[in-house]
Amino acid sequence: MRKSFYLLFSTAAVLLLAGRAWADQDHTRLLQLYVIDGGWIVWFLLVPISIVTVVLVTGYLLTIRASTLLPEMEQSQLAALLSNGQDKRTLEFLADKNSFLAEVVAAGLRHTAQGTTAAIHAAEEIAGQRAVKLFRKVEILNVIGNIAPMIGLFGTVYGMIMSFQRMADATLTQRPVEVAATGIRIALVTTFWGLLIGIPALCAYALFRNKIEALASDCMLKTEQLLEGYQQAVQRAKVAAKAKE
């Protein structure tokens, strides 16, 4: 949660600074300088990729968090049911739940007849599978973070080739800098966009990977506590039944 706050704070700070710079300059000139001058590589590749990255990060911030994967309400209800040894009612309660915690606890509860160790092992398998799915889900940020700078580098090479070609075709009366300016702008703008996309994407990917690992570990800890509470409730019920006999 704290890392997500830092990421949101940093993003907000960058947006505020960018907005200030945007307000202080000619909007048309900035659009021309940072987008239009970048050519088709920026228009059709890097700008759409940047939009996809923002959408993905926003979606992951809303879904990959403790309140969604490990709801506190579910934890309290599971604790109340399992501490009373109500395994059937617990499974009925979990039947329509799709949270990380619900799947892991349900898997463990189905193996409680084989002992606590078997139940925890079954829960760990499901937790591992669910974590892998989440890792695969955020892997696209890693791909974007690695591909975007390469696209920017492609634009750099393309722009430099264009510059040298125009310089070679230029007449003696033309200035070399003016002739090469278009290609140089393409080279710099595409490099700028590649880094602008790649660096935040890789940072977000690392953040979400760490968050998934932490949530999976926390889920297993809570699951073990719930299953142990259930086993203790079963033992108490057995002892009480024997006492009545």
C-alpha atoms as a PDB file:
ATOM      1  CA  MET A   1       0.000   0.000   0.000  1.00  0.00           C
ATOM      2  CA  ARG A   2       2.834   2.378   0.878  1.00  0.00           C
ATOM      3  CA  LYS A   3       4.658   1.627  -2.392  1.00  0.00           C
ATOM      4  CA  SER A   4       1.461   2.286  -4.350  1.00  0.00           C
ATOM      5  CA  PHE A   5       1.121   5.615  -2.582  1.00  0.00           C
ATOM      6  CA  TYR A   6       4.693   6.537  -3.477  1.00  0.00           C
ATOM      7  CA  LEU A   7       4.088   5.586  -7.117  1.00  0.00           C
ATOM      8  CA  LEU A   8       0.905   7.660  -7.284  1.00  0.00           C
ATOM      9  CA  PHE A   9       2.622  10.575  -5.557  1.00  0.00           C
ATOM     10  CA  SER A  10       5.567  10.462  -7.958  1.00  0.00           C
ATOM     11  CA  THR A  11       3.249  10.241 -10.960  1.00  0.00           C
ATOM     12  CA  ALA A  12       1.214  13.171  -9.695  1.00  0.00           C
ATOM     13  CA  ALA A  13       4.376  15.211  -9.149  1.00  0.00           C
ATOM     14  CA  VAL A  14       5.595  14.491 -12.680  1.00  0.00           C
ATOM     15  CA  LEU A  15       2.194  15.390 -14.124  1.00  0.00           C
ATOM     16  CA  LEU A  16       2.129  18.646 -12.154  1.00  0.00           C
ATOM     17  CA  LEU A  17       5.589  19.607 -13.380  1.00  0.00           C
ATOM     18  CA  ALA A  18       4.656  18.692 -16.926  1.00  0.00           C
ATOM     19  CA  GLY A  19       1.451  20.690 -16.618  1.00  0.00           C
ATOM     20  CA  ARG A  20       3.373  23.686 -15.335  1.00  0.00           C
ATOM     21  CA  ALA A  21       5.809  23.471 -18.238  1.00  0.00           C
ATOM     22  CA  TRP A  22       2.900  23.067 -20.636  1.00  0.00           C
ATOM     23  CA  ALA A  23       1.179  26.133 -19.216  1.00  0.00           C
ATOM     24  CA  ASP A  24       4.325  28.235 -19.442  1.00  0.00           C
ATOM     25  CA  GLN A  25       4.929  27.519 -23.129  1.00  0.00           C
ATOM     26  CA  ASP A  26       3.133  27.677 -26.419  1.00  0.00           C
ATOM     27  CA  HIS A  27       0.918  24.581 -26.596  1.00  0.00           C
ATOM     28  CA  THR A  28       1.128  24.345 -30.354  1.00  0.00           C
ATOM     29  CA  ARG A  29       4.915  24.537 -30.245  1.00  0.00           C
ATOM     30  CA  LEU A  30       5.121  21.741 -27.634  1.00  0.00           C
ATOM     31  CA  LEU A  31       2.811  19.525 -29.667  1.00  0.00           C
ATOM     32  CA  GLN A  32       4.929  20.168 -32.716  1.00  0.00           C
ATOM     33  CA  LEU A  33       8.193  19.591 -30.846  1.00  0.00           C
ATOM     34  CA  TYR A  34       7.338  16.425 -28.877  1.00  0.00           C
ATOM     35  CA  VAL A  35       4.793  14.672 -31.081  1.00  0.00           C
ATOM     36  CA  ILE A  36       4.518  15.882 -34.641  1.00  0.00           C
ATOM     37  CA  ASP A  37       8.263  16.191 -35.217  1.00  0.00           C
ATOM     38  CA  GLY A  38       8.719  12.591 -34.079  1.00  0.00           C
ATOM     39  CA  GLY A  39       7.137  11.283 -37.233  1.00  0.00           C
ATOM     40  CA  TRP A  40       5.154   8.100 -37.764  1.00  0.00           C
ATOM     41  CA  ILE A  41       7.182   6.137 -35.190  1.00  0.00           C
ATOM     42  CA  VAL A  42       5.853   8.412 -32.461  1.00  0.00           C
ATOM     43  CA  TRP A  43       2.350   8.810 -33.895  1.00  0.00           C
ATOM     44  CA  PHE A  44       1.533   5.176 -34.580  1.00  0.00           C
ATOM     45  CA  LEU A  45       3.777   3.283 -32.138  1.00  0.00           C
ATOM     46  CA  LEU A  46       5.080   5.152 -29.114  1.00  0.00           C
ATOM     47  CA  VAL A  47       2.069   7.326 -28.284  1.00  0.00           C
ATOM     48  CA  PRO A  48      -0.390   4.359 -28.415  1.00  0.00           C
ATOM     49  CA  ILE A  49       2.036   2.281 -26.316  1.00  0.00           C
ATOM     50  CA  SER A  50       2.209   5.077 -23.740  1.00  0.00           C
ATOM     51  CA  ILE A  51      -1.582   5.154 -23.521  1.00  0.00           C
ATOM     52  CA  VAL A  52      -1.725   1.364 -23.096  1.00  0.00           C
ATOM     53  CA  THR A  53       0.895   1.594 -20.342  1.00  0.00           C
ATOM     54  CA  VAL A  54      -1.078   4.202 -18.404  1.00  0.00           C
ATOM     55  CA  VAL A  55      -4.275   2.139 -18.716  1.00  0.00           C
ATOM     56  CA  LEU A  56      -2.522  -1.049 -17.544  1.00  0.00           C
ATOM     57  CA  VAL A  57      -0.836   0.591 -14.563  1.00  0.00           C
ATOM     58  CA  THR A  58      -4.101   2.228 -13.505  1.00  0.00           C
ATOM     59  CA  GLY A  59      -5.951  -1.081 -13.785  1.00  0.00           C
ATOM     60  CA  TYR A  60      -3.315  -2.964 -11.808  1.00  0.00           C
ATOM     61  CA  LEU A  61      -3.330  -0.334  -9.069  1.00  0.00           C
ATOM     62  CA  LEU A  62      -7.067  -0.905  -8.690  1.00  0.00           C
ATOM     63  CA  THR A  63      -6.999  -4.722  -8.803  1.00  0.00           C
ATOM     64  CA  ILE A  64      -3.656  -5.849  -7.384  1.00  0.00           C
ATOM     65  CA  ARG A  65      -4.122  -4.693  -3.820  1.00  0.00           C
ATOM     66  CA  ALA A  66      -4.944  -6.212  -0.471  1.00  0.00           C
ATOM     67  CA  SER A  67      -8.504  -4.873  -0.312  1.00  0.00           C
ATOM     68  CA  THR A  68      -9.329  -6.748  -3.534  1.00  0.00           C
ATOM     69  CA  LEU A  69      -7.289  -9.939  -3.207  1.00  0.00           C
ATOM     70  CA  LEU A  70      -7.464 -10.329   0.589  1.00  0.00           C
ATOM     71  CA  PRO A  71     -10.715  -8.637   1.670  1.00  0.00           C
ATOM     72  CA  GLU A  72     -10.888  -8.020   5.393  1.00  0.00           C
ATOM     73  CA  MET A  73     -14.599  -8.833   5.494  1.00  0.00           C
ATOM     74  CA  GLU A  74     -13.925 -12.274   4.042  1.00  0.00           C
ATOM     75  CA  GLN A  75     -11.145 -12.833   6.557  1.00  0.00           C
ATOM     76  CA  SER A  76     -13.389 -12.041   9.514  1.00  0.00           C
ATOM     77  CA  GLN A  77     -16.242 -14.201   8.202  1.00  0.00           C
ATOM     78  CA  LEU A  78     -13.897 -17.108   7.496  1.00  0.00           C
ATOM     79  CA  ALA A  79     -12.362 -16.814  10.944  1.00  0.00           C
ATOM     80  CA  ALA A  80     -15.813 -16.900  12.553  1.00  0.00           C
ATOM     81  CA  LEU A  81     -16.943 -19.949  10.561  1.00  0.00           C
ATOM     82  CA  LEU A  82     -13.745 -21.999  10.824  1.00  0.00           C
ATOM     83  CA  SER A  83     -13.227 -21.289  14.515  1.00  0.00           C
ATOM     84  CA  ASN A  84     -16.566 -23.048  15.026  1.00  0.00           C
ATOM     85  CA  GLY A  85     -15.580 -25.968  12.808  1.00  0.00           C
ATOM     86  CA  GLN A  86     -18.194 -25.222  10.161  1.00  0.00           C
ATOM     87  CA  ASP A  87     -16.345 -26.484   7.095  1.00  0.00           C
ATOM     88  CA  LYS A  88     -19.427 -27.111   4.927  1.00  0.00           C
ATOM     89  CA  ARG A  89     -20.859 -23.668   5.545  1.00  0.00           C
ATOM     90  CA  THR A  90     -17.441 -22.195   4.857  1.00  0.00           C
ATOM     91  CA  LEU A  91     -17.220 -23.935   1.473  1.00  0.00           C
ATOM     92  CA  GLU A  92     -20.724 -22.723   0.642  1.00  0.00           C
ATOM     93  CA  PHE A  93     -19.674 -19.211   1.596  1.00  0.00           C
ATOM     94  CA  LEU A  94     -16.565 -19.446  -0.610  1.00  0.00           C
ATOM     95  CA  ALA A  95     -18.402 -20.930  -3.593  1.00  0.00           C
ATOM     96  CA  ASP A  96     -19.255 -17.554  -5.146  1.00  0.00           C
ATOM     97  CA  LYS A  97     -16.064 -15.769  -4.078  1.00  0.00           C
ATOM     98  CA  ASN A  98     -13.149 -15.301  -6.488  1.00  0.00           C
ATOM     99  CA  SER A  99     -10.601 -13.485  -4.360  1.00  0.00           C
ATOM    100  CA  PHE A 100      -7.066 -14.773  -3.865  1.00  0.00           C
ATOM    101  CA  LEU A 101      -7.821 -15.644  -0.237  1.00  0.00           C
ATOM    102  CA  ALA A 102     -11.073 -17.423  -1.064  1.00  0.00           C
ATOM    103  CA  GLU A 103      -9.474 -19.756  -3.618  1.00  0.00           C
ATOM    104  CA  VAL A 104      -6.532 -20.609  -1.373  1.00  0.00           C
ATOM    105  CA  VAL A 105      -8.619 -21.255   1.746  1.00  0.00           C
ATOM    106  CA  ALA A 106     -11.134 -23.351  -0.208  1.00  0.00           C
ATOM    107  CA  ALA A 107      -8.323 -25.498  -1.629  1.00  0.00           C
ATOM    108  CA  GLY A 108      -6.862 -26.070   1.804  1.00  0.00           C
ATOM    109  CA  LEU A 109     -10.217 -26.765   3.415  1.00  0.00           C
ATOM    110  CA  ARG A 110     -10.979 -29.538   0.932  1.00  0.00           C
ATOM    111  CA  HIS A 111      -7.899 -31.428   2.161  1.00  0.00           C
ATOM    112  CA  THR A 112      -8.320 -30.960   5.903  1.00  0.00           C
ATOM    113  CA  ALA A 113      -9.446 -34.596   6.285  1.00  0.00           C
ATOM    114  CA  GLN A 114      -5.872 -35.598   5.373  1.00  0.00           C
ATOM    115  CA  GLY A 115      -4.364 -33.413   8.074  1.00  0.00           C
ATOM    116  CA  THR A 116      -3.158 -29.860   8.493  1.00  0.00           C
ATOM    117  CA  THR A 117       0.063 -30.470   6.549  1.00  0.00           C
ATOM    118  CA  ALA A 118      -1.795 -31.774   3.492  1.00  0.00           C
ATOM    119  CA  ALA A 119      -4.272 -28.908   3.677  1.00  0.00           C
ATOM    120  CA  ILE A 120      -1.521 -26.295   3.819  1.00  0.00           C
ATOM    121  CA  HIS A 121       0.330 -27.982   0.950  1.00  0.00           C
ATOM    122  CA  ALA A 122      -2.816 -27.887  -1.211  1.00  0.00           C
ATOM    123  CA  ALA A 123      -3.324 -24.232  -0.324  1.00  0.00           C
ATOM    124  CA  GLU A 124       0.291 -23.445  -1.259  1.00  0.00           C
ATOM    125  CA  GLU A 125      -0.179 -25.026  -4.690  1.00  0.00           C
ATOM    126  CA  ILE A 126      -3.235 -22.904  -5.439  1.00  0.00           C
ATOM    127  CA  ALA A 127      -1.516 -19.801  -4.068  1.00  0.00           C
ATOM    128  CA  GLY A 128       1.449 -20.462  -6.354  1.00  0.00           C
ATOM    129  CA  GLN A 129      -0.811 -20.923  -9.382  1.00  0.00           C
ATOM    130  CA  ARG A 130      -2.744 -17.740  -8.629  1.00  0.00           C
ATOM    131  CA  ALA A 131       0.486 -15.792  -8.110  1.00  0.00           C
ATOM    132  CA  VAL A 132       1.845 -17.061 -11.446  1.00  0.00           C
ATOM    133  CA  LYS A 133      -1.314 -15.816 -13.180  1.00  0.00           C
ATOM    134  CA  LEU A 134      -0.812 -12.389 -11.649  1.00  0.00           C
ATOM    135  CA  PHE A 135       2.872 -12.399 -12.626  1.00  0.00           C
ATOM    136  CA  ARG A 136       1.904 -13.197 -16.206  1.00  0.00           C
ATOM    137  CA  LYS A 137      -0.654 -10.434 -16.089  1.00  0.00           C
ATOM    138  CA  VAL A 138       1.907  -7.757 -15.188  1.00  0.00           C
ATOM    139  CA  GLU A 139       4.595  -9.242 -17.445  1.00  0.00           C
ATOM    140  CA  ILE A 140       3.309  -7.046 -20.263  1.00  0.00           C
ATOM    141  CA  LEU A 141       4.758  -4.044 -18.420  1.00  0.00           C
ATOM    142  CA  ASN A 142       8.161  -5.713 -18.530  1.00  0.00           C
ATOM    143  CA  VAL A 143       7.747  -6.293 -22.261  1.00  0.00           C
ATOM    144  CA  ILE A 144       6.736  -2.670 -22.819  1.00  0.00           C
ATOM    145  CA  GLY A 145       9.595  -1.436 -20.648  1.00  0.00           C
ATOM    146  CA  ASN A 146      12.098  -3.322 -22.783  1.00  0.00           C
ATOM    147  CA  ILE A 147      10.539  -2.770 -26.194  1.00  0.00           C
ATOM    148  CA  ALA A 148       9.754   0.959 -25.939  1.00  0.00           C
ATOM    149  CA  PRO A 149      13.423   2.072 -25.662  1.00  0.00           C
ATOM    150  CA  MET A 150      14.283  -0.262 -28.551  1.00  0.00           C
ATOM    151  CA  ILE A 151      11.585   1.387 -30.678  1.00  0.00           C
ATOM    152  CA  GLY A 152      13.049   4.725 -29.652  1.00  0.00           C
ATOM    153  CA  LEU A 153      16.493   3.485 -30.706  1.00  0.00           C
ATOM    154  CA  PHE A 154      15.023   2.366 -34.014  1.00  0.00           C
ATOM    155  CA  GLY A 155      13.709   5.901 -34.456  1.00  0.00           C
ATOM    156  CA  THR A 156      17.144   7.268 -33.606  1.00  0.00           C
ATOM    157  CA  VAL A 157      18.819   5.158 -36.285  1.00  0.00           C
ATOM    158  CA  TYR A 158      16.066   5.970 -38.781  1.00  0.00           C
ATOM    159  CA  GLY A 159      16.421   9.704 -38.113  1.00  0.00           C
ATOM    160  CA  MET A 160      20.203   9.651 -38.435  1.00  0.00           C
ATOM    161  CA  ILE A 161      20.029   7.729 -41.717  1.00  0.00           C
ATOM    162  CA  MET A 162      17.557  10.300 -42.989  1.00  0.00           C
ATOM    163  CA  SER A 163      19.840  13.142 -41.912  1.00  0.00           C
ATOM    164  CA  PHE A 164      22.921  11.742 -43.607  1.00  0.00           C
ATOM    165  CA  GLN A 165      20.948  10.945 -46.743  1.00  0.00           C
ATOM    166  CA  ARG A 166      19.644  14.485 -46.980  1.00  0.00           C
ATOM    167  CA  MET A 167      23.102  15.874 -46.331  1.00  0.00           C
ATOM    168  CA  ALA A 168      24.458  13.709 -49.138  1.00  0.00           C
ATOM    169  CA  ASP A 169      21.724  14.926 -51.505  1.00  0.00           C
ATOM    170  CA  ALA A 170      22.052  18.574 -50.472  1.00  0.00           C
ATOM    171  CA  THR A 171      23.453  21.175 -52.819  1.00  0.00           C
ATOM    172  CA  LEU A 172      26.430  23.337 -52.000  1.00  0.00           C
ATOM    173  CA  THR A 173      24.188  26.325 -51.277  1.00  0.00           C
ATOM    174  CA  GLN A 174      22.260  24.548 -48.506  1.00  0.00           C
ATOM    175  CA  ARG A 175      23.372  24.579 -44.893  1.00  0.00           C
ATOM    176  CA  PRO A 176      24.125  21.077 -43.525  1.00  0.00           C
ATOM    177  CA  VAL A 177      22.419  21.756 -40.190  1.00  0.00           C
ATOM    178  CA  GLU A 178      19.170  22.865 -41.812  1.00  0.00           C
ATOM    179  CA  VAL A 179      19.205  19.891 -44.143  1.00  0.00           C
ATOM    180  CA  ALA A 180      19.795  17.401 -41.318  1.00  0.00           C
ATOM    181  CA  ALA A 181      17.426  19.057 -38.838  1.00  0.00           C
ATOM    182  CA  THR A 182      14.358  16.935 -39.663  1.00  0.00           C
ATOM    183  CA  GLY A 183      16.168  13.634 -39.217  1.00  0.00           C
ATOM    184  CA  ILE A 184      17.846  14.799 -36.015  1.00  0.00           C
ATOM    185  CA  ARG A 185      14.488  15.846 -34.563  1.00  0.00           C
ATOM    186  CA  ILE A 186      13.046  12.429 -35.343  1.00  0.00           C
ATOM    187  CA  ALA A 187      16.045  10.769 -33.708  1.00  0.00           C
ATOM    188  CA  LEU A 188      15.790  12.811 -30.507  1.00  0.00           C
ATOM    189  CA  VAL A 189      11.996  12.763 -30.152  1.00  0.00           C
ATOM    190  CA  THR A 190      11.718   9.004 -30.638  1.00  0.00           C
ATOM    191  CA  THR A 191      14.515   8.427 -28.114  1.00  0.00           C
ATOM    192  CA  PHE A 192      12.723  10.726 -25.676  1.00  0.00           C
ATOM    193  CA  TRP A 193       9.438   8.821 -26.014  1.00  0.00           C
ATOM    194  CA  GLY A 194      11.136   5.442 -25.745  1.00  0.00           C
ATOM    195  CA  LEU A 195      12.756   6.385 -22.436  1.00  0.00           C
ATOM    196  CA  LEU A 196       9.634   8.183 -21.204  1.00  0.00           C
ATOM    197  CA  ILE A 197       7.642   4.963 -21.626  1.00  0.00           C
ATOM    198  CA  GLY A 198      10.287   2.375 -20.756  1.00  0.00           C
ATOM    199  CA  ILE A 199      11.532   3.724 -17.422  1.00  0.00           C
ATOM    200  CA  PRO A 200       8.098   4.075 -15.716  1.00  0.00           C
ATOM    201  CA  ALA A 201       6.935   0.742 -17.180  1.00  0.00           C
ATOM    202  CA  LEU A 202       9.904  -1.145 -15.699  1.00  0.00           C
ATOM    203  CA  CYS A 203       9.504   0.628 -12.343  1.00  0.00           C
ATOM    204  CA  ALA A 204       5.802  -0.248 -12.248  1.00  0.00           C
ATOM    205  CA  TYR A 205       6.578  -3.852 -13.203  1.00  0.00           C
ATOM    206  CA  ALA A 206       9.055  -4.211 -10.333  1.00  0.00           C
ATOM    207  CA  LEU A 207       6.562  -2.641  -7.931  1.00  0.00           C
ATOM    208  CA  PHE A 208       3.739  -4.983  -8.912  1.00  0.00           C
ATOM    209  CA  ARG A 209       5.960  -8.080  -8.789  1.00  0.00           C
ATOM    210  CA  ASN A 210       7.017  -7.234  -5.242  1.00  0.00           C
ATOM    211  CA  LYS A 211       3.432  -6.493  -4.316  1.00  0.00           C
ATOM    212  CA  ILE A 212       2.197  -9.821  -5.683  1.00  0.00           C
ATOM    213  CA  GLU A 213       4.901 -11.714  -3.770  1.00  0.00           C
ATOM    214  CA  ALA A 214       4.004  -9.878  -0.563  1.00  0.00           C
ATOM    215  CA  LEU A 215       0.282 -10.502  -1.018  1.00  0.00           C
ATOM    216  CA  ALA A 216       0.839 -14.201  -1.779  1.00  0.00           C
ATOM    217  CA  SER A 217       2.970 -14.573   1.345  1.00  0.00           C
ATOM    218  CA  ASP A 218       0.398 -12.721   3.446  1.00  0.00           C
ATOM    219  CA  CYS A 219      -2.384 -14.877   1.997  1.00  0.00           C
ATOM    220  CA  MET A 220      -0.594 -18.095   2.955  1.00  0.00           C
ATOM    221  CA  LEU A 221       0.041 -16.817   6.469  1.00  0.00           C
ATOM    222  CA  LYS A 222      -3.629 -15.987   6.960  1.00  0.00           C
ATOM    223  CA  THR A 223      -4.680 -19.303   5.391  1.00  0.00           C
ATOM    224  CA  GLU A 224      -2.457 -21.280   7.759  1.00  0.00           C
ATOM    225  CA  GLN A 225      -3.941 -19.422  10.723  1.00  0.00           C
ATOM    226  CA  LEU A 226      -7.493 -20.116   9.526  1.00  0.00           C
ATOM    227  CA  LEU A 227      -6.831 -23.816   8.880  1.00  0.00           C
ATOM    228  CA  GLU A 228      -5.105 -24.246  12.226  1.00  0.00           C
ATOM    229  CA  GLY A 229      -8.093 -22.571  13.894  1.00  0.00           C
ATOM    230  CA  TYR A 230     -10.387 -24.997  12.105  1.00  0.00           C
ATOM    231  CA  GLN A 231      -8.329 -28.027  13.200  1.00  0.00           C
ATOM    232  CA  GLN A 232      -8.367 -26.793  16.783  1.00  0.00           C
ATOM    233  CA  ALA A 233     -12.148 -26.417  16.605  1.00  0.00           C
ATOM    234  CA  VAL A 234     -12.454 -29.987  15.305  1.00  0.00           C
ATOM    235  CA  GLN A 235     -10.264 -31.286  18.118  1.00  0.00           C
ATOM    236  CA  ARG A 236     -12.314 -29.432  20.701  1.00  0.00           C
ATOM    237  CA  ALA A 237     -15.478 -30.903  19.246  1.00  0.00           C
ATOM    238  CA  LYS A 238     -13.977 -34.422  19.454  1.00  0.00           C
ATOM    239  CA  VAL A 239     -12.907 -33.909  23.058  1.00  0.00           C
ATOM    240  CA  ALA A 240     -16.366 -32.583  23.970  1.00  0.00           C
ATOM    241  CA  ALA A 241     -18.034 -35.574  22.262  1.00  0.00           C
ATOM    242  CA  LYS A 242     -15.832 -38.022  24.188  1.00  0.00           C
ATOM    243  CA  ALA A 243     -16.565 -36.211  27.449  1.00  0.00           C
ATOM    244  CA  LYS A 244     -20.294 -36.627  26.887  1.00  0.00           C
ATOM    245  CA  GLU A 245     -19.827 -40.366  26.319  1.00  0.00           C
END
